[in-house]
Amino acid sequence: MNIEQLVRMANDIGNFFRGETREEEQIAGVVNHLRKFWDLRMRRQLVAHLGAGGEGLVEPARSAVLVLAQDSTAQFQSKT
């Protein structure tokens, strides 16, 4: 999928969760949505995009993708 489209969709989800009072709840809402409704390839593309600078990602979507990246790293390390 086109990365610009993924970034736009992630930011839209982040904007929805900005209604939550606490920043942690905003980030958790985005993370949960991405895990539940996005397939692994889409999440991996976003994580790779963040690793390349994350152009266009805004809060809380940026922080949510960082959580996904940390999860991916932890899963990889636990398998080795």
N, C-alpha and C. Protein backbone atom coordinates (compact mmCIF):
# COMPACT_ATOMS: atom_id res chain seq x y z
N MET A 1 0.84 -1.18 0.00
CA MET A 1 0.00 0.00 0.00
C MET A 1 0.89 1.24 0.00
N ASN A 2 0.42 2.29 -0.58
CA ASN A 2 1.12 3.56 -0.66
C ASN A 2 1.38 4.13 0.74
N ILE A 3 2.63 4.45 1.05
CA ILE A 3 2.98 4.91 2.40
C ILE A 3 2.30 6.23 2.75
N GLU A 4 2.12 7.10 1.76
CA GLU A 4 1.45 8.37 2.05
C GLU A 4 0.01 8.12 2.52
N GLN A 5 -0.63 7.13 1.91
CA GLN A 5 -1.99 6.78 2.31
C GLN A 5 -2.00 6.18 3.71
N LEU A 6 -1.04 5.33 4.02
CA LEU A 6 -0.96 4.75 5.37
C LEU A 6 -0.73 5.83 6.41
N VAL A 7 0.16 6.77 6.11
CA VAL A 7 0.44 7.87 7.05
C VAL A 7 -0.82 8.70 7.27
N ARG A 8 -1.53 9.00 6.19
CA ARG A 8 -2.75 9.80 6.31
C ARG A 8 -3.79 9.06 7.17
N MET A 9 -3.95 7.76 6.94
CA MET A 9 -4.92 6.99 7.71
C MET A 9 -4.50 6.91 9.17
N ALA A 10 -3.21 6.69 9.45
CA ALA A 10 -2.73 6.64 10.83
C ALA A 10 -2.95 7.97 11.52
N ASN A 11 -2.69 9.07 10.83
CA ASN A 11 -2.92 10.39 11.41
C ASN A 11 -4.41 10.63 11.67
N ASP A 12 -5.27 10.15 10.78
CA ASP A 12 -6.72 10.27 11.00
C ASP A 12 -7.14 9.53 12.26
N ILE A 13 -6.59 8.34 12.45
CA ILE A 13 -6.88 7.57 13.66
C ILE A 13 -6.37 8.33 14.88
N GLY A 14 -5.16 8.86 14.78
CA GLY A 14 -4.59 9.65 15.87
C GLY A 14 -5.45 10.85 16.20
N ASN A 15 -5.96 11.53 15.18
CA ASN A 15 -6.83 12.69 15.42
C ASN A 15 -8.10 12.28 16.14
N PHE A 16 -8.64 11.11 15.80
CA PHE A 16 -9.83 10.62 16.49
C PHE A 16 -9.54 10.44 17.99
N PHE A 17 -8.41 9.84 18.31
CA PHE A 17 -8.09 9.55 19.70
C PHE A 17 -7.57 10.77 20.47
N ARG A 18 -7.39 11.89 19.82
CA ARG A 18 -7.02 13.12 20.54
C ARG A 18 -8.13 13.56 21.48
N GLY A 19 -9.31 12.99 21.31
CA GLY A 19 -10.41 13.29 22.22
C GLY A 19 -10.20 12.73 23.62
N GLU A 20 -9.28 11.78 23.74
CA GLU A 20 -8.95 11.23 25.06
C GLU A 20 -8.15 12.28 25.84
N THR A 21 -8.38 12.32 27.12
CA THR A 21 -7.77 13.35 27.96
C THR A 21 -6.26 13.17 28.10
N ARG A 22 -5.85 11.97 28.42
CA ARG A 22 -4.43 11.73 28.70
C ARG A 22 -3.70 11.24 27.45
N GLU A 23 -2.47 11.69 27.30
CA GLU A 23 -1.65 11.31 26.15
C GLU A 23 -1.47 9.80 26.06
N GLU A 24 -1.30 9.14 27.20
CA GLU A 24 -1.12 7.69 27.21
C GLU A 24 -2.35 6.98 26.63
N GLU A 25 -3.54 7.50 26.93
CA GLU A 25 -4.77 6.92 26.41
C GLU A 25 -4.89 7.14 24.91
N GLN A 26 -4.44 8.29 24.44
CA GLN A 26 -4.45 8.58 23.00
C GLN A 26 -3.57 7.57 22.27
N ILE A 27 -2.35 7.40 22.76
CA ILE A 27 -1.40 6.49 22.12
C ILE A 27 -1.92 5.06 22.18
N ALA A 28 -2.42 4.64 23.34
CA ALA A 28 -2.94 3.28 23.49
C ALA A 28 -4.11 3.04 22.54
N GLY A 29 -4.95 4.04 22.36
CA GLY A 29 -6.09 3.91 21.45
C GLY A 29 -5.63 3.67 20.02
N VAL A 30 -4.63 4.42 19.59
CA VAL A 30 -4.11 4.25 18.22
C VAL A 30 -3.45 2.89 18.08
N VAL A 31 -2.61 2.51 19.06
CA VAL A 31 -1.93 1.22 19.01
C VAL A 31 -2.95 0.09 18.93
N ASN A 32 -3.96 0.13 19.78
CA ASN A 32 -4.97 -0.93 19.78
C ASN A 32 -5.71 -1.00 18.45
N HIS A 33 -6.02 0.16 17.88
CA HIS A 33 -6.71 0.18 16.59
C HIS A 33 -5.83 -0.43 15.50
N LEU A 34 -4.58 -0.03 15.45
CA LEU A 34 -3.68 -0.55 14.42
C LEU A 34 -3.48 -2.05 14.56
N ARG A 35 -3.37 -2.54 15.79
CA ARG A 35 -3.21 -3.98 16.00
C ARG A 35 -4.46 -4.75 15.61
N LYS A 36 -5.60 -4.19 15.91
CA LYS A 36 -6.87 -4.90 15.69
C LYS A 36 -7.32 -4.87 14.23
N PHE A 37 -7.15 -3.74 13.55
CA PHE A 37 -7.75 -3.57 12.24
C PHE A 37 -6.78 -3.51 11.06
N TRP A 38 -5.50 -3.33 11.31
CA TRP A 38 -4.53 -3.25 10.22
C TRP A 38 -3.79 -4.58 10.12
N ASP A 39 -3.53 -5.01 8.89
CA ASP A 39 -2.78 -6.27 8.76
C ASP A 39 -1.29 -6.00 9.02
N LEU A 40 -0.59 -7.09 9.23
CA LEU A 40 0.82 -7.01 9.62
C LEU A 40 1.66 -6.25 8.59
N ARG A 41 1.37 -6.44 7.31
CA ARG A 41 2.15 -5.74 6.27
C ARG A 41 2.01 -4.23 6.39
N MET A 42 0.80 -3.77 6.67
CA MET A 42 0.56 -2.33 6.81
C MET A 42 1.32 -1.78 8.02
N ARG A 43 1.26 -2.51 9.12
CA ARG A 43 1.98 -2.06 10.33
C ARG A 43 3.48 -2.05 10.09
N ARG A 44 3.98 -3.06 9.40
CA ARG A 44 5.42 -3.12 9.12
C ARG A 44 5.85 -1.97 8.23
N GLN A 45 5.03 -1.61 7.25
CA GLN A 45 5.35 -0.47 6.39
C GLN A 45 5.45 0.80 7.21
N LEU A 46 4.53 1.00 8.14
CA LEU A 46 4.57 2.21 8.98
C LEU A 46 5.80 2.22 9.87
N VAL A 47 6.13 1.07 10.44
CA VAL A 47 7.32 0.98 11.30
C VAL A 47 8.58 1.29 10.48
N ALA A 48 8.67 0.74 9.27
CA ALA A 48 9.82 1.02 8.40
C ALA A 48 9.87 2.50 8.04
N HIS A 49 8.71 3.08 7.79
CA HIS A 49 8.64 4.50 7.46
C HIS A 49 9.14 5.35 8.63
N LEU A 50 8.74 4.98 9.84
CA LEU A 50 9.22 5.70 11.03
C LEU A 50 10.74 5.57 11.14
N GLY A 51 11.25 4.38 10.87
CA GLY A 51 12.70 4.16 10.92
C GLY A 51 13.47 5.00 9.91
N ALA A 52 12.78 5.38 8.83
CA ALA A 52 13.40 6.22 7.81
C ALA A 52 13.12 7.70 8.04
N GLY A 53 12.62 8.04 9.22
CA GLY A 53 12.38 9.44 9.55
C GLY A 53 10.94 9.75 9.88
N GLY A 54 10.02 8.95 9.36
CA GLY A 54 8.61 9.12 9.71
C GLY A 54 7.95 10.37 9.17
N GLU A 55 8.39 10.83 8.02
CA GLU A 55 7.84 12.06 7.46
C GLU A 55 6.32 12.02 7.38
N GLY A 56 5.70 13.06 7.90
CA GLY A 56 4.25 13.20 7.84
C GLY A 56 3.50 12.65 9.04
N LEU A 57 4.12 11.74 9.80
CA LEU A 57 3.43 11.21 10.99
C LEU A 57 3.39 12.26 12.09
N VAL A 58 2.22 12.47 12.65
CA VAL A 58 2.06 13.43 13.73
C VAL A 58 1.56 12.71 14.97
N GLU A 59 1.66 13.37 16.10
CA GLU A 59 1.20 12.78 17.36
C GLU A 59 -0.31 12.69 17.37
N PRO A 60 -0.87 11.69 17.98
CA PRO A 60 -0.24 10.56 18.68
C PRO A 60 0.12 9.37 17.79
N ALA A 61 -0.13 9.48 16.49
CA ALA A 61 0.16 8.37 15.58
C ALA A 61 1.65 8.02 15.60
N ARG A 62 2.51 9.03 15.62
CA ARG A 62 3.96 8.79 15.63
C ARG A 62 4.36 7.96 16.84
N SER A 63 3.87 8.32 18.00
CA SER A 63 4.21 7.57 19.22
C SER A 63 3.64 6.16 19.18
N ALA A 64 2.46 6.00 18.60
CA ALA A 64 1.86 4.67 18.49
C ALA A 64 2.71 3.77 17.59
N VAL A 65 3.20 4.30 16.50
CA VAL A 65 4.05 3.51 15.60
C VAL A 65 5.36 3.17 16.30
N LEU A 66 5.85 4.06 17.13
CA LEU A 66 7.05 3.76 17.91
C LEU A 66 6.80 2.58 18.85
N VAL A 67 5.62 2.52 19.46
CA VAL A 67 5.26 1.38 20.32
C VAL A 67 5.25 0.10 19.49
N LEU A 68 4.66 0.16 18.30
CA LEU A 68 4.65 -1.02 17.42
C LEU A 68 6.07 -1.44 17.06
N ALA A 69 6.93 -0.48 16.81
CA ALA A 69 8.33 -0.78 16.47
C ALA A 69 9.02 -1.47 17.64
N GLN A 70 8.78 -0.99 18.84
CA GLN A 70 9.38 -1.59 20.03
C GLN A 70 8.85 -3.01 20.24
N ASP A 71 7.56 -3.21 19.99
CA ASP A 71 6.98 -4.55 20.09
C ASP A 71 7.63 -5.50 19.10
N SER A 72 7.85 -5.02 17.87
CA SER A 72 8.46 -5.85 16.83
C SER A 72 9.87 -6.25 17.22
N THR A 73 10.61 -5.32 17.78
CA THR A 73 11.98 -5.59 18.21
C THR A 73 11.99 -6.60 19.34
N ALA A 74 11.08 -6.46 20.29
CA ALA A 74 11.01 -7.38 21.42
C ALA A 74 10.63 -8.79 20.94
N GLN A 75 9.71 -8.89 20.00
CA GLN A 75 9.31 -10.20 19.48
C GLN A 75 10.47 -10.86 18.74
N PHE A 76 11.22 -10.08 17.96
CA PHE A 76 12.35 -10.61 17.23
C PHE A 76 13.41 -11.12 18.21
N GLN A 77 13.69 -10.35 19.25
CA GLN A 77 14.72 -10.72 20.21
C GLN A 77 14.32 -11.97 21.01
N SER A 78 13.02 -12.13 21.28
CA SER A 78 12.60 -13.29 22.07
C SER A 78 12.68 -14.58 21.26
N LYS A 79 12.72 -14.48 19.92
CA LYS A 79 12.79 -15.66 19.07
C LYS A 79 14.23 -16.12 18.84
N THR A 80 15.19 -15.27 19.18
CA THR A 80 16.58 -15.64 18.92
C THR A 80 17.23 -16.18 20.17
